[in-house]
Amino acid sequence: LLAGIRTRGQDRSWWLEVLEGLAGIAAGVAALVLPPE
């Protein structure tokens, strides 16, 4: 996410890096809130 935001002005694919970063953060948070059962 940091790399995507920082390269927004130079890299036309910055939004893909941002999307990948958000997907990783969402997966990590989802893993932490999983019901124990």
PDB file of all heavy atoms in Angstrom:
ATOM      1  N   LEU A   1       0.833  -1.209   0.000  1.00  0.00           N
ATOM      2  CA  LEU A   1       0.000   0.000   0.000  1.00  0.00           C
ATOM      3  C   LEU A   1       0.869   1.261   0.000  1.00  0.00           C
ATOM      4  O   LEU A   1       0.601   2.218  -0.742  1.00  0.00           O
ATOM      5  CB  LEU A   1      -0.907  -0.016   1.227  1.00  0.00           C
ATOM      6  CG  LEU A   1      -1.932   1.111   1.359  1.00  0.00           C
ATOM      7  CD1 LEU A   1      -2.908   1.095   0.193  1.00  0.00           C
ATOM      8  CD2 LEU A   1      -2.679   0.996   2.685  1.00  0.00           C
ATOM      9  N   LEU A   2       1.926   1.257   0.808  1.00  0.00           N
ATOM     10  CA  LEU A   2       2.838   2.397   0.860  1.00  0.00           C
ATOM     11  C   LEU A   2       3.514   2.619  -0.483  1.00  0.00           C
ATOM     12  O   LEU A   2       3.584   3.755  -0.982  1.00  0.00           O
ATOM     13  CB  LEU A   2       3.895   2.163   1.948  1.00  0.00           C
ATOM     14  CG  LEU A   2       5.008   3.204   2.037  1.00  0.00           C
ATOM     15  CD1 LEU A   2       4.442   4.562   2.429  1.00  0.00           C
ATOM     16  CD2 LEU A   2       6.078   2.758   3.048  1.00  0.00           C
ATOM     17  N   ALA A   3       4.000   1.526  -1.098  1.00  0.00           N
ATOM     18  CA  ALA A   3       4.671   1.652  -2.395  1.00  0.00           C
ATOM     19  C   ALA A   3       3.709   2.185  -3.451  1.00  0.00           C
ATOM     20  O   ALA A   3       4.078   3.027  -4.273  1.00  0.00           O
ATOM     21  CB  ALA A   3       5.239   0.301  -2.818  1.00  0.00           C
ATOM     22  N   GLY A   4       2.467   1.703  -3.444  1.00  0.00           N
ATOM     23  CA  GLY A   4       1.492   2.161  -4.427  1.00  0.00           C
ATOM     24  C   GLY A   4       1.159   3.635  -4.280  1.00  0.00           C
ATOM     25  O   GLY A   4       1.102   4.374  -5.266  1.00  0.00           O
ATOM     26  N   ILE A   5       0.981   4.074  -3.030  1.00  0.00           N
ATOM     27  CA  ILE A   5       0.648   5.481  -2.791  1.00  0.00           C
ATOM     28  C   ILE A   5       1.823   6.383  -3.156  1.00  0.00           C
ATOM     29  O   ILE A   5       1.648   7.434  -3.785  1.00  0.00           O
ATOM     30  CB  ILE A   5       0.239   5.679  -1.320  1.00  0.00           C
ATOM     31  CG1 ILE A   5      -1.085   4.960  -1.036  1.00  0.00           C
ATOM     32  CG2 ILE A   5       0.118   7.162  -0.985  1.00  0.00           C
ATOM     33  CD1 ILE A   5      -1.494   4.963   0.418  1.00  0.00           C
ATOM     34  N   ARG A   6       3.041   5.983  -2.799  1.00  0.00           N
ATOM     35  CA  ARG A   6       4.209   6.817  -3.043  1.00  0.00           C
ATOM     36  C   ARG A   6       4.563   6.899  -4.532  1.00  0.00           C
ATOM     37  O   ARG A   6       5.200   7.860  -4.950  1.00  0.00           O
ATOM     38  CB  ARG A   6       5.397   6.276  -2.254  1.00  0.00           C
ATOM     39  CG  ARG A   6       5.294   6.518  -0.755  1.00  0.00           C
ATOM     40  CD  ARG A   6       5.172   7.995  -0.450  1.00  0.00           C
ATOM     41  NE  ARG A   6       5.211   8.289   0.964  1.00  0.00           N
ATOM     42  CZ  ARG A   6       6.311   8.648   1.626  1.00  0.00           C
ATOM     43  NH1 ARG A   6       7.460   8.730   0.991  1.00  0.00           N
ATOM     44  NH2 ARG A   6       6.246   8.915   2.918  1.00  0.00           N
ATOM     45  N   THR A   7       4.197   5.886  -5.318  1.00  0.00           N
ATOM     46  CA  THR A   7       4.519   5.912  -6.761  1.00  0.00           C
ATOM     47  C   THR A   7       3.331   6.378  -7.599  1.00  0.00           C
ATOM     48  O   THR A   7       3.336   6.220  -8.818  1.00  0.00           O
ATOM     49  CB  THR A   7       4.959   4.513  -7.240  1.00  0.00           C
ATOM     50  OG1 THR A   7       3.907   3.562  -6.982  1.00  0.00           O
ATOM     51  CG2 THR A   7       6.218   4.065  -6.527  1.00  0.00           C
ATOM     52  N   ARG A   8       2.352   6.976  -6.965  1.00  0.00           N
ATOM     53  CA  ARG A   8       1.133   7.371  -7.673  1.00  0.00           C
ATOM     54  C   ARG A   8       1.422   8.343  -8.812  1.00  0.00           C
ATOM     55  O   ARG A   8       0.790   8.290  -9.861  1.00  0.00           O
ATOM     56  CB  ARG A   8       0.153   8.006  -6.685  1.00  0.00           C
ATOM     57  CG  ARG A   8      -1.191   8.388  -7.279  1.00  0.00           C
ATOM     58  CD  ARG A   8      -2.112   8.901  -6.213  1.00  0.00           C
ATOM     59  NE  ARG A   8      -1.491   9.987  -5.446  1.00  0.00           N
ATOM     60  CZ  ARG A   8      -2.067  10.575  -4.403  1.00  0.00           C
ATOM     61  NH1 ARG A   8      -3.256  10.164  -3.973  1.00  0.00           N
ATOM     62  NH2 ARG A   8      -1.459  11.562  -3.764  1.00  0.00           N
ATOM     63  N   GLY A   9       2.394   9.214  -8.625  1.00  0.00           N
ATOM     64  CA  GLY A   9       2.688  10.202  -9.657  1.00  0.00           C
ATOM     65  C   GLY A   9       3.541   9.684 -10.794  1.00  0.00           C
ATOM     66  O   GLY A   9       3.554  10.265 -11.876  1.00  0.00           O
ATOM     67  N   GLN A  10       4.284   8.576 -10.560  1.00  0.00           N
ATOM     68  CA  GLN A  10       5.187   8.077 -11.595  1.00  0.00           C
ATOM     69  C   GLN A  10       4.729   6.778 -12.238  1.00  0.00           C
ATOM     70  O   GLN A  10       5.042   6.507 -13.391  1.00  0.00           O
ATOM     71  CB  GLN A  10       6.589   7.836 -11.003  1.00  0.00           C
ATOM     72  CG  GLN A  10       7.229   9.086 -10.405  1.00  0.00           C
ATOM     73  CD  GLN A  10       7.038   9.163  -8.906  1.00  0.00           C
ATOM     74  OE1 GLN A  10       6.512   8.235  -8.297  1.00  0.00           O
ATOM     75  NE2 GLN A  10       7.454  10.262  -8.307  1.00  0.00           N
ATOM     76  N   ASP A  11       4.010   5.946 -11.500  1.00  0.00           N
ATOM     77  CA  ASP A  11       3.654   4.608 -11.963  1.00  0.00           C
ATOM     78  C   ASP A  11       2.167   4.541 -12.277  1.00  0.00           C
ATOM     79  O   ASP A  11       1.332   4.749 -11.399  1.00  0.00           O
ATOM     80  CB  ASP A  11       4.010   3.581 -10.881  1.00  0.00           C
ATOM     81  CG  ASP A  11       3.757   2.145 -11.321  1.00  0.00           C
ATOM     82  OD1 ASP A  11       3.415   1.937 -12.498  1.00  0.00           O
ATOM     83  OD2 ASP A  11       3.908   1.250 -10.477  1.00  0.00           O
ATOM     84  N   ARG A  12       1.851   4.254 -13.538  1.00  0.00           N
ATOM     85  CA  ARG A  12       0.440   4.162 -13.922  1.00  0.00           C
ATOM     86  C   ARG A  12      -0.244   2.941 -13.326  1.00  0.00           C
ATOM     87  O   ARG A  12      -1.466   2.841 -13.345  1.00  0.00           O
ATOM     88  CB  ARG A  12       0.331   4.142 -15.451  1.00  0.00           C
ATOM     89  CG  ARG A  12       0.664   5.473 -16.116  1.00  0.00           C
ATOM     90  CD  ARG A  12       0.574   5.376 -17.618  1.00  0.00           C
ATOM     91  NE  ARG A  12       1.583   4.469 -18.152  1.00  0.00           N
ATOM     92  CZ  ARG A  12       1.695   4.164 -19.448  1.00  0.00           C
ATOM     93  NH1 ARG A  12       0.850   4.657 -20.316  1.00  0.00           N
ATOM     94  NH2 ARG A  12       2.650   3.343 -19.855  1.00  0.00           N
ATOM     95  N   SER A  13       0.527   1.999 -12.808  1.00  0.00           N
ATOM     96  CA  SER A  13      -0.043   0.792 -12.204  1.00  0.00           C
ATOM     97  C   SER A  13      -0.130   0.903 -10.686  1.00  0.00           C
ATOM     98  O   SER A  13      -0.316  -0.104 -10.006  1.00  0.00           O
ATOM     99  CB  SER A  13       0.807  -0.435 -12.582  1.00  0.00           C
ATOM    100  OG  SER A  13       0.909  -0.580 -13.981  1.00  0.00           O
ATOM    101  N   TRP A  14      -0.012   2.126 -10.176  1.00  0.00           N
ATOM    102  CA  TRP A  14       0.019   2.294  -8.724  1.00  0.00           C
ATOM    103  C   TRP A  14      -1.226   1.760  -8.054  1.00  0.00           C
ATOM    104  O   TRP A  14      -1.168   1.234  -6.933  1.00  0.00           O
ATOM    105  CB  TRP A  14       0.216   3.774  -8.369  1.00  0.00           C
ATOM    106  CG  TRP A  14      -0.955   4.638  -8.751  1.00  0.00           C
ATOM    107  CD1 TRP A  14      -1.176   5.240  -9.940  1.00  0.00           C
ATOM    108  CD2 TRP A  14      -2.091   4.950  -7.925  1.00  0.00           C
ATOM    109  NE1 TRP A  14      -2.363   5.931  -9.925  1.00  0.00           N
ATOM    110  CE2 TRP A  14      -2.952   5.774  -8.697  1.00  0.00           C
ATOM    111  CE3 TRP A  14      -2.452   4.640  -6.620  1.00  0.00           C
ATOM    112  CZ2 TRP A  14      -4.149   6.274  -8.194  1.00  0.00           C
ATOM    113  CZ3 TRP A  14      -3.644   5.133  -6.122  1.00  0.00           C
ATOM    114  CH2 TRP A  14      -4.472   5.941  -6.905  1.00  0.00           C
ATOM    115  N   TRP A  15      -2.366   1.862  -8.731  1.00  0.00           N
ATOM    116  CA  TRP A  15      -3.625   1.438  -8.107  1.00  0.00           C
ATOM    117  C   TRP A  15      -3.664  -0.076  -7.925  1.00  0.00           C
ATOM    118  O   TRP A  15      -4.324  -0.577  -6.994  1.00  0.00           O
ATOM    119  CB  TRP A  15      -4.812   1.910  -8.941  1.00  0.00           C
ATOM    120  CG  TRP A  15      -4.839   1.365 -10.342  1.00  0.00           C
ATOM    121  CD1 TRP A  15      -4.205   1.877 -11.435  1.00  0.00           C
ATOM    122  CD2 TRP A  15      -5.509   0.179 -10.779  1.00  0.00           C
ATOM    123  NE1 TRP A  15      -4.439   1.084 -12.545  1.00  0.00           N
ATOM    124  CE2 TRP A  15      -5.246   0.045 -12.171  1.00  0.00           C
ATOM    125  CE3 TRP A  15      -6.312  -0.765 -10.141  1.00  0.00           C
ATOM    126  CZ2 TRP A  15      -5.750  -1.015 -12.922  1.00  0.00           C
ATOM    127  CZ3 TRP A  15      -6.822  -1.823 -10.892  1.00  0.00           C
ATOM    128  CH2 TRP A  15      -6.535  -1.924 -12.263  1.00  0.00           C
ATOM    129  N   LEU A  16      -2.940  -0.828  -8.771  1.00  0.00           N
ATOM    130  CA  LEU A  16      -2.875  -2.275  -8.593  1.00  0.00           C
ATOM    131  C   LEU A  16      -2.095  -2.622  -7.320  1.00  0.00           C
ATOM    132  O   LEU A  16      -2.474  -3.541  -6.582  1.00  0.00           O
ATOM    133  CB  LEU A  16      -2.213  -2.924  -9.808  1.00  0.00           C
ATOM    134  CG  LEU A  16      -3.055  -2.990 -11.087  1.00  0.00           C
ATOM    135  CD1 LEU A  16      -2.217  -3.499 -12.255  1.00  0.00           C
ATOM    136  CD2 LEU A  16      -4.279  -3.883 -10.884  1.00  0.00           C
ATOM    137  N   GLU A  17      -1.025  -1.886  -7.068  1.00  0.00           N
ATOM    138  CA  GLU A  17      -0.264  -2.103  -5.836  1.00  0.00           C
ATOM    139  C   GLU A  17      -1.089  -1.740  -4.612  1.00  0.00           C
ATOM    140  O   GLU A  17      -1.027  -2.420  -3.579  1.00  0.00           O
ATOM    141  CB  GLU A  17       1.024  -1.292  -5.881  1.00  0.00           C
ATOM    142  CG  GLU A  17       1.963  -1.698  -7.003  1.00  0.00           C
ATOM    143  CD  GLU A  17       3.138  -0.753  -7.121  1.00  0.00           C
ATOM    144  OE1 GLU A  17       3.968  -0.741  -6.193  1.00  0.00           O
ATOM    145  OE2 GLU A  17       3.231  -0.032  -8.135  1.00  0.00           O
ATOM    146  N   VAL A  18      -1.855  -0.658  -4.717  1.00  0.00           N
ATOM    147  CA  VAL A  18      -2.742  -0.273  -3.619  1.00  0.00           C
ATOM    148  C   VAL A  18      -3.789  -1.361  -3.380  1.00  0.00           C
ATOM    149  O   VAL A  18      -4.073  -1.738  -2.232  1.00  0.00           O
ATOM    150  CB  VAL A  18      -3.419   1.079  -3.917  1.00  0.00           C
ATOM    151  CG1 VAL A  18      -4.545   1.356  -2.918  1.00  0.00           C
ATOM    152  CG2 VAL A  18      -2.393   2.202  -3.882  1.00  0.00           C
ATOM    153  N   LEU A  19      -4.364  -1.884  -4.453  1.00  0.00           N
ATOM    154  CA  LEU A  19      -5.373  -2.934  -4.334  1.00  0.00           C
ATOM    155  C   LEU A  19      -4.786  -4.187  -3.703  1.00  0.00           C
ATOM    156  O   LEU A  19      -5.413  -4.816  -2.836  1.00  0.00           O
ATOM    157  CB  LEU A  19      -5.935  -3.253  -5.729  1.00  0.00           C
ATOM    158  CG  LEU A  19      -7.124  -4.225  -5.792  1.00  0.00           C
ATOM    159  CD1 LEU A  19      -8.307  -3.672  -5.024  1.00  0.00           C
ATOM    160  CD2 LEU A  19      -7.518  -4.488  -7.247  1.00  0.00           C
ATOM    161  N   GLU A  20      -3.558  -4.540  -4.110  1.00  0.00           N
ATOM    162  CA  GLU A  20      -2.899  -5.706  -3.519  1.00  0.00           C
ATOM    163  C   GLU A  20      -2.639  -5.484  -2.031  1.00  0.00           C
ATOM    164  O   GLU A  20      -2.832  -6.387  -1.201  1.00  0.00           O
ATOM    165  CB  GLU A  20      -1.589  -5.983  -4.241  1.00  0.00           C
ATOM    166  CG  GLU A  20      -0.861  -7.215  -3.721  1.00  0.00           C
ATOM    167  CD  GLU A  20       0.476  -7.437  -4.395  1.00  0.00           C
ATOM    168  OE1 GLU A  20       0.897  -6.561  -5.193  1.00  0.00           O
ATOM    169  OE2 GLU A  20       1.106  -8.475  -4.131  1.00  0.00           O
ATOM    170  N   GLY A  21      -2.211  -4.271  -1.679  1.00  0.00           N
ATOM    171  CA  GLY A  21      -1.971  -3.964  -0.277  1.00  0.00           C
ATOM    172  C   GLY A  21      -3.234  -4.047   0.562  1.00  0.00           C
ATOM    173  O   GLY A  21      -3.223  -4.606   1.671  1.00  0.00           O
ATOM    174  N   LEU A  22      -4.326  -3.506   0.053  1.00  0.00           N
ATOM    175  CA  LEU A  22      -5.593  -3.568   0.777  1.00  0.00           C
ATOM    176  C   LEU A  22      -6.064  -5.014   0.946  1.00  0.00           C
ATOM    177  O   LEU A  22      -6.618  -5.370   1.999  1.00  0.00           O
ATOM    178  CB  LEU A  22      -6.653  -2.744   0.038  1.00  0.00           C
ATOM    179  CG  LEU A  22      -6.442  -1.226   0.033  1.00  0.00           C
ATOM    180  CD1 LEU A  22      -7.482  -0.549  -0.850  1.00  0.00           C
ATOM    181  CD2 LEU A  22      -6.498  -0.669   1.449  1.00  0.00           C
ATOM    182  N   ALA A  23      -5.845  -5.838  -0.089  1.00  0.00           N
ATOM    183  CA  ALA A  23      -6.237  -7.248  -0.008  1.00  0.00           C
ATOM    184  C   ALA A  23      -5.453  -7.955   1.095  1.00  0.00           C
ATOM    185  O   ALA A  23      -6.007  -8.764   1.854  1.00  0.00           O
ATOM    186  CB  ALA A  23      -6.011  -7.940  -1.348  1.00  0.00           C
ATOM    187  N   GLY A  24      -4.152  -7.652   1.201  1.00  0.00           N
ATOM    188  CA  GLY A  24      -3.347  -8.265   2.252  1.00  0.00           C
ATOM    189  C   GLY A  24      -3.784  -7.845   3.642  1.00  0.00           C
ATOM    190  O   GLY A  24      -3.904  -8.674   4.548  1.00  0.00           O
ATOM    191  N   ILE A  25      -4.040  -6.552   3.822  1.00  0.00           N
ATOM    192  CA  ILE A  25      -4.486  -6.068   5.137  1.00  0.00           C
ATOM    193  C   ILE A  25      -5.835  -6.678   5.498  1.00  0.00           C
ATOM    194  O   ILE A  25      -6.051  -7.104   6.642  1.00  0.00           O
ATOM    195  CB  ILE A  25      -4.567  -4.529   5.119  1.00  0.00           C
ATOM    196  CG1 ILE A  25      -3.168  -3.930   4.965  1.00  0.00           C
ATOM    197  CG2 ILE A  25      -5.230  -4.018   6.391  1.00  0.00           C
ATOM    198  CD1 ILE A  25      -3.148  -2.434   4.758  1.00  0.00           C
ATOM    199  N   ALA A  26      -6.743  -6.759   4.522  1.00  0.00           N
ATOM    200  CA  ALA A  26      -8.064  -7.339   4.780  1.00  0.00           C
ATOM    201  C   ALA A  26      -7.942  -8.810   5.168  1.00  0.00           C
ATOM    202  O   ALA A  26      -8.634  -9.284   6.089  1.00  0.00           O
ATOM    203  CB  ALA A  26      -8.951  -7.191   3.539  1.00  0.00           C
ATOM    204  N   ALA A  27      -7.046  -9.547   4.496  1.00  0.00           N
ATOM    205  CA  ALA A  27      -6.868 -10.968   4.820  1.00  0.00           C
ATOM    206  C   ALA A  27      -6.300 -11.138   6.221  1.00  0.00           C
ATOM    207  O   ALA A  27      -6.728 -12.027   6.980  1.00  0.00           O
ATOM    208  CB  ALA A  27      -5.942 -11.623   3.792  1.00  0.00           C
ATOM    209  N   GLY A  28      -5.341 -10.282   6.593  1.00  0.00           N
ATOM    210  CA  GLY A  28      -4.762 -10.380   7.924  1.00  0.00           C
ATOM    211  C   GLY A  28      -5.775 -10.082   9.022  1.00  0.00           C
ATOM    212  O   GLY A  28      -5.845 -10.788  10.033  1.00  0.00           O
ATOM    213  N   VAL A  29      -6.562  -9.038   8.819  1.00  0.00           N
ATOM    214  CA  VAL A  29      -7.591  -8.692   9.803  1.00  0.00           C
ATOM    215  C   VAL A  29      -8.643  -9.786   9.892  1.00  0.00           C
ATOM    216  O   VAL A  29      -9.090 -10.157  10.992  1.00  0.00           O
ATOM    217  CB  VAL A  29      -8.235  -7.338   9.440  1.00  0.00           C
ATOM    218  CG1 VAL A  29      -9.431  -7.058  10.345  1.00  0.00           C
ATOM    219  CG2 VAL A  29      -7.214  -6.212   9.535  1.00  0.00           C
ATOM    220  N   ALA A  30      -9.040 -10.322   8.722  1.00  0.00           N
ATOM    221  CA  ALA A  30     -10.036 -11.401   8.716  1.00  0.00           C
ATOM    222  C   ALA A  30      -9.534 -12.616   9.485  1.00  0.00           C
ATOM    223  O   ALA A  30     -10.300 -13.265  10.217  1.00  0.00           O
ATOM    224  CB  ALA A  30     -10.373 -11.783   7.274  1.00  0.00           C
ATOM    225  N   ALA A  31      -8.243 -12.929   9.346  1.00  0.00           N
ATOM    226  CA  ALA A  31      -7.689 -14.076  10.067  1.00  0.00           C
ATOM    227  C   ALA A  31      -7.737 -13.860  11.576  1.00  0.00           C
ATOM    228  O   ALA A  31      -7.971 -14.808  12.344  1.00  0.00           O
ATOM    229  CB  ALA A  31      -6.249 -14.330   9.620  1.00  0.00           C
ATOM    230  N   LEU A  32      -7.557 -12.624  12.018  1.00  0.00           N
ATOM    231  CA  LEU A  32      -7.544 -12.338  13.451  1.00  0.00           C
ATOM    232  C   LEU A  32      -8.929 -12.419  14.084  1.00  0.00           C
ATOM    233  O   LEU A  32      -9.043 -12.679  15.286  1.00  0.00           O
ATOM    234  CB  LEU A  32      -6.951 -10.943  13.702  1.00  0.00           C
ATOM    235  CG  LEU A  32      -5.453 -10.784  13.452  1.00  0.00           C
ATOM    236  CD1 LEU A  32      -5.036  -9.334  13.633  1.00  0.00           C
ATOM    237  CD2 LEU A  32      -4.654 -11.692  14.388  1.00  0.00           C
ATOM    238  N   VAL A  33      -9.978 -12.182  13.295  1.00  0.00           N
ATOM    239  CA  VAL A  33     -11.338 -12.158  13.865  1.00  0.00           C
ATOM    240  C   VAL A  33     -12.107 -13.444  13.573  1.00  0.00           C
ATOM    241  O   VAL A  33     -13.318 -13.496  13.775  1.00  0.00           O
ATOM    242  CB  VAL A  33     -12.125 -10.940  13.331  1.00  0.00           C
ATOM    243  CG1 VAL A  33     -11.427  -9.642  13.705  1.00  0.00           C
ATOM    244  CG2 VAL A  33     -12.296 -11.013  11.808  1.00  0.00           C
ATOM    245  N   LEU A  34     -11.421 -14.484  13.120  1.00  0.00           N
ATOM    246  CA  LEU A  34     -12.108 -15.749  12.830  1.00  0.00           C
ATOM    247  C   LEU A  34     -12.678 -16.360  14.106  1.00  0.00           C
ATOM    248  O   LEU A  34     -12.001 -16.385  15.143  1.00  0.00           O
ATOM    249  CB  LEU A  34     -11.139 -16.740  12.186  1.00  0.00           C
ATOM    250  CG  LEU A  34     -10.658 -16.421  10.769  1.00  0.00           C
ATOM    251  CD1 LEU A  34      -9.596 -17.424  10.330  1.00  0.00           C
ATOM    252  CD2 LEU A  34     -11.825 -16.435   9.792  1.00  0.00           C
ATOM    253  N   PRO A  35     -13.910 -16.871  14.056  1.00  0.00           N
ATOM    254  CA  PRO A  35     -14.479 -17.563  15.213  1.00  0.00           C
ATOM    255  C   PRO A  35     -13.666 -18.809  15.543  1.00  0.00           C
ATOM    256  O   PRO A  35     -13.274 -19.556  14.635  1.00  0.00           O
ATOM    257  CB  PRO A  35     -15.896 -17.946  14.738  1.00  0.00           C
ATOM    258  CG  PRO A  35     -16.184 -17.023  13.607  1.00  0.00           C
ATOM    259  CD  PRO A  35     -14.864 -16.767  12.941  1.00  0.00           C
ATOM    260  N   PRO A  36     -13.375 -19.061  16.803  1.00  0.00           N
ATOM    261  CA  PRO A  36     -12.521 -20.200  17.176  1.00  0.00           C
ATOM    262  C   PRO A  36     -13.040 -21.541  16.675  1.00  0.00           C
ATOM    263  O   PRO A  36     -12.249 -22.433  16.349  1.00  0.00           O
ATOM    264  CB  PRO A  36     -12.520 -20.143  18.716  1.00  0.00           C
ATOM    265  CG  PRO A  36     -12.857 -18.727  19.043  1.00  0.00           C
ATOM    266  CD  PRO A  36     -13.782 -18.263  17.958  1.00  0.00           C
ATOM    267  N   GLU A  37     -14.374 -21.712  16.624  1.00  0.00           N
ATOM    268  CA  GLU A  37     -14.926 -23.028  16.263  1.00  0.00           C
ATOM    269  C   GLU A  37     -14.736 -23.362  14.783  1.00  0.00           C
ATOM    270  O   GLU A  37     -14.825 -24.533  14.401  1.00  0.00           O
ATOM    271  CB  GLU A  37     -16.407 -23.104  16.628  1.00  0.00           C
ATOM    272  CG  GLU A  37     -17.303 -22.068  15.929  1.00  0.00           C
ATOM    273  CD  GLU A  37     -17.366 -20.756  16.674  1.00  0.00           C
ATOM    274  OE1 GLU A  37     -16.546 -20.552  17.585  1.00  0.00           O
ATOM    275  OE2 GLU A  37     -18.247 -19.942  16.334  1.00  0.00           O
TER     276      GLU A  37
END
